[in-house]
Amino acid sequence: MRLDKFLKVSRIIKRRTVANEACDAEHVTVNGRRAKASYDVQSGDIIEITFGERRLRVRVRDVRESVAKADASSLYEVIEE
């Protein structure tokens, strides 16, 4: 699954266009490397997102095309906030 879509499905970022813009602006890294929106996310990847001064690091647990809002947080594990 594409990185921008994963960020939207997992509800880390609310809209796919915003996720795409964050990747283009180099605010998103995967496994320590800058990642494009088209990066293919896999279980075990560590995604780091910078929101201004705030930084969020998560480990991908599962990759699914769709998930209920209540279950969205089960797709990832927060490492550092």
C-alpha atoms as a PDB file:
ATOM      1  CA  MET A   1       0.000   0.000   0.000  1.00  0.00           C
ATOM      2  CA  ARG A   2       1.227   3.511  -0.806  1.00  0.00           C
ATOM      3  CA  LEU A   3       2.551   5.570   2.105  1.00  0.00           C
ATOM      4  CA  ASP A   4       0.065   8.411   1.623  1.00  0.00           C
ATOM      5  CA  LYS A   5      -2.848   5.966   1.605  1.00  0.00           C
ATOM      6  CA  PHE A   6      -1.547   4.165   4.723  1.00  0.00           C
ATOM      7  CA  LEU A   7      -1.300   7.459   6.612  1.00  0.00           C
ATOM      8  CA  LYS A   8      -4.916   8.204   5.692  1.00  0.00           C
ATOM      9  CA  VAL A   9      -6.328   4.701   6.375  1.00  0.00           C
ATOM     10  CA  SER A  10      -4.552   4.552   9.751  1.00  0.00           C
ATOM     11  CA  ARG A  11      -5.861   8.076  10.466  1.00  0.00           C
ATOM     12  CA  ILE A  12      -2.427   9.371  11.420  1.00  0.00           C
ATOM     13  CA  ILE A  13      -3.164  12.102   8.859  1.00  0.00           C
ATOM     14  CA  LYS A  14      -6.816  12.841   8.129  1.00  0.00           C
ATOM     15  CA  ARG A  15      -6.684  13.388   4.345  1.00  0.00           C
ATOM     16  CA  ARG A  16      -4.645  11.693   1.632  1.00  0.00           C
ATOM     17  CA  THR A  17      -3.830  15.004  -0.067  1.00  0.00           C
ATOM     18  CA  VAL A  18      -2.373  16.323   3.199  1.00  0.00           C
ATOM     19  CA  ALA A  19      -0.337  13.113   3.568  1.00  0.00           C
ATOM     20  CA  ASN A  20       0.896  13.525  -0.012  1.00  0.00           C
ATOM     21  CA  GLU A  21       1.914  17.141   0.663  1.00  0.00           C
ATOM     22  CA  ALA A  22       3.744  16.120   3.870  1.00  0.00           C
ATOM     23  CA  CYS A  23       5.752  13.550   1.888  1.00  0.00           C
ATOM     24  CA  ASP A  24       6.541  16.104  -0.844  1.00  0.00           C
ATOM     25  CA  ALA A  25       7.718  18.597   1.798  1.00  0.00           C
ATOM     26  CA  GLU A  26      10.046  15.901   3.257  1.00  0.00           C
ATOM     27  CA  HIS A  27       8.260  15.787   6.629  1.00  0.00           C
ATOM     28  CA  VAL A  28       7.968  11.974   6.452  1.00  0.00           C
ATOM     29  CA  THR A  29      10.722   9.369   6.734  1.00  0.00           C
ATOM     30  CA  VAL A  30      10.509   5.584   6.598  1.00  0.00           C
ATOM     31  CA  ASN A  31      13.259   3.543   8.255  1.00  0.00           C
ATOM     32  CA  GLY A  32      15.385   6.690   8.542  1.00  0.00           C
ATOM     33  CA  ARG A  33      15.146   7.723   4.866  1.00  0.00           C
ATOM     34  CA  ARG A  34      13.050  10.435   3.226  1.00  0.00           C
ATOM     35  CA  ALA A  35      10.053   8.772   1.627  1.00  0.00           C
ATOM     36  CA  LYS A  36       7.879   9.665  -1.328  1.00  0.00           C
ATOM     37  CA  ALA A  37       4.109   9.251  -1.173  1.00  0.00           C
ATOM     38  CA  SER A  38       4.430   6.266  -3.522  1.00  0.00           C
ATOM     39  CA  TYR A  39       6.626   4.272  -1.088  1.00  0.00           C
ATOM     40  CA  ASP A  40       5.244   0.745  -0.561  1.00  0.00           C
ATOM     41  CA  VAL A  41       4.556   0.383   3.190  1.00  0.00           C
ATOM     42  CA  GLN A  42       5.145  -3.030   4.771  1.00  0.00           C
ATOM     43  CA  SER A  43       4.718  -4.448   8.272  1.00  0.00           C
ATOM     44  CA  GLY A  44       7.673  -3.593  10.480  1.00  0.00           C
ATOM     45  CA  ASP A  45       8.469  -0.259   8.790  1.00  0.00           C
ATOM     46  CA  ILE A  46       9.162   2.656  11.127  1.00  0.00           C
ATOM     47  CA  ILE A  47       7.503   5.870   9.974  1.00  0.00           C
ATOM     48  CA  GLU A  48       8.522   9.231  11.409  1.00  0.00           C
ATOM     49  CA  ILE A  49       6.403  12.323  10.784  1.00  0.00           C
ATOM     50  CA  THR A  50       7.351  15.869  11.743  1.00  0.00           C
ATOM     51  CA  PHE A  51       4.538  18.323  12.492  1.00  0.00           C
ATOM     52  CA  GLY A  52       6.383  21.617  13.140  1.00  0.00           C
ATOM     53  CA  GLU A  53       8.139  21.058  16.490  1.00  0.00           C
ATOM     54  CA  ARG A  54       6.267  17.814  17.176  1.00  0.00           C
ATOM     55  CA  ARG A  55       7.588  14.445  16.025  1.00  0.00           C
ATOM     56  CA  LEU A  56       5.712  11.146  15.838  1.00  0.00           C
ATOM     57  CA  ARG A  57       7.382   7.752  15.315  1.00  0.00           C
ATOM     58  CA  VAL A  58       5.277   4.658  14.694  1.00  0.00           C
ATOM     59  CA  ARG A  59       5.944   1.023  13.789  1.00  0.00           C
ATOM     60  CA  VAL A  60       3.622  -0.475  11.189  1.00  0.00           C
ATOM     61  CA  ARG A  61       1.854  -3.555  12.584  1.00  0.00           C
ATOM     62  CA  ASP A  62      -0.517  -4.355   9.751  1.00  0.00           C
ATOM     63  CA  VAL A  63      -1.369  -3.054   6.281  1.00  0.00           C
ATOM     64  CA  ARG A  64      -5.048  -3.194   5.264  1.00  0.00           C
ATOM     65  CA  GLU A  65      -6.940  -1.425   2.484  1.00  0.00           C
ATOM     66  CA  SER A  66      -9.735  -0.310   4.794  1.00  0.00           C
ATOM     67  CA  VAL A  67     -10.421  -0.367   8.495  1.00  0.00           C
ATOM     68  CA  ALA A  68     -13.115   0.965  10.830  1.00  0.00           C
ATOM     69  CA  LYS A  69     -12.320   4.234  12.578  1.00  0.00           C
ATOM     70  CA  ALA A  70     -12.271   2.523  15.984  1.00  0.00           C
ATOM     71  CA  ASP A  71      -9.718  -0.040  14.752  1.00  0.00           C
ATOM     72  CA  ALA A  72      -7.419   2.370  12.893  1.00  0.00           C
ATOM     73  CA  SER A  73      -4.891   2.562  15.736  1.00  0.00           C
ATOM     74  CA  SER A  74      -4.391  -1.211  15.551  1.00  0.00           C
ATOM     75  CA  LEU A  75      -2.486  -0.728  12.264  1.00  0.00           C
ATOM     76  CA  TYR A  76       0.458   0.888  14.050  1.00  0.00           C
ATOM     77  CA  GLU A  77       2.255   1.115  17.387  1.00  0.00           C
ATOM     78  CA  VAL A  78       3.465   4.491  18.684  1.00  0.00           C
ATOM     79  CA  ILE A  79       7.177   4.372  19.501  1.00  0.00           C
ATOM     80  CA  GLU A  80       7.792   8.009  20.336  1.00  0.00           C
ATOM     81  CA  GLU A  81       5.556  11.039  20.523  1.00  0.00           C
END
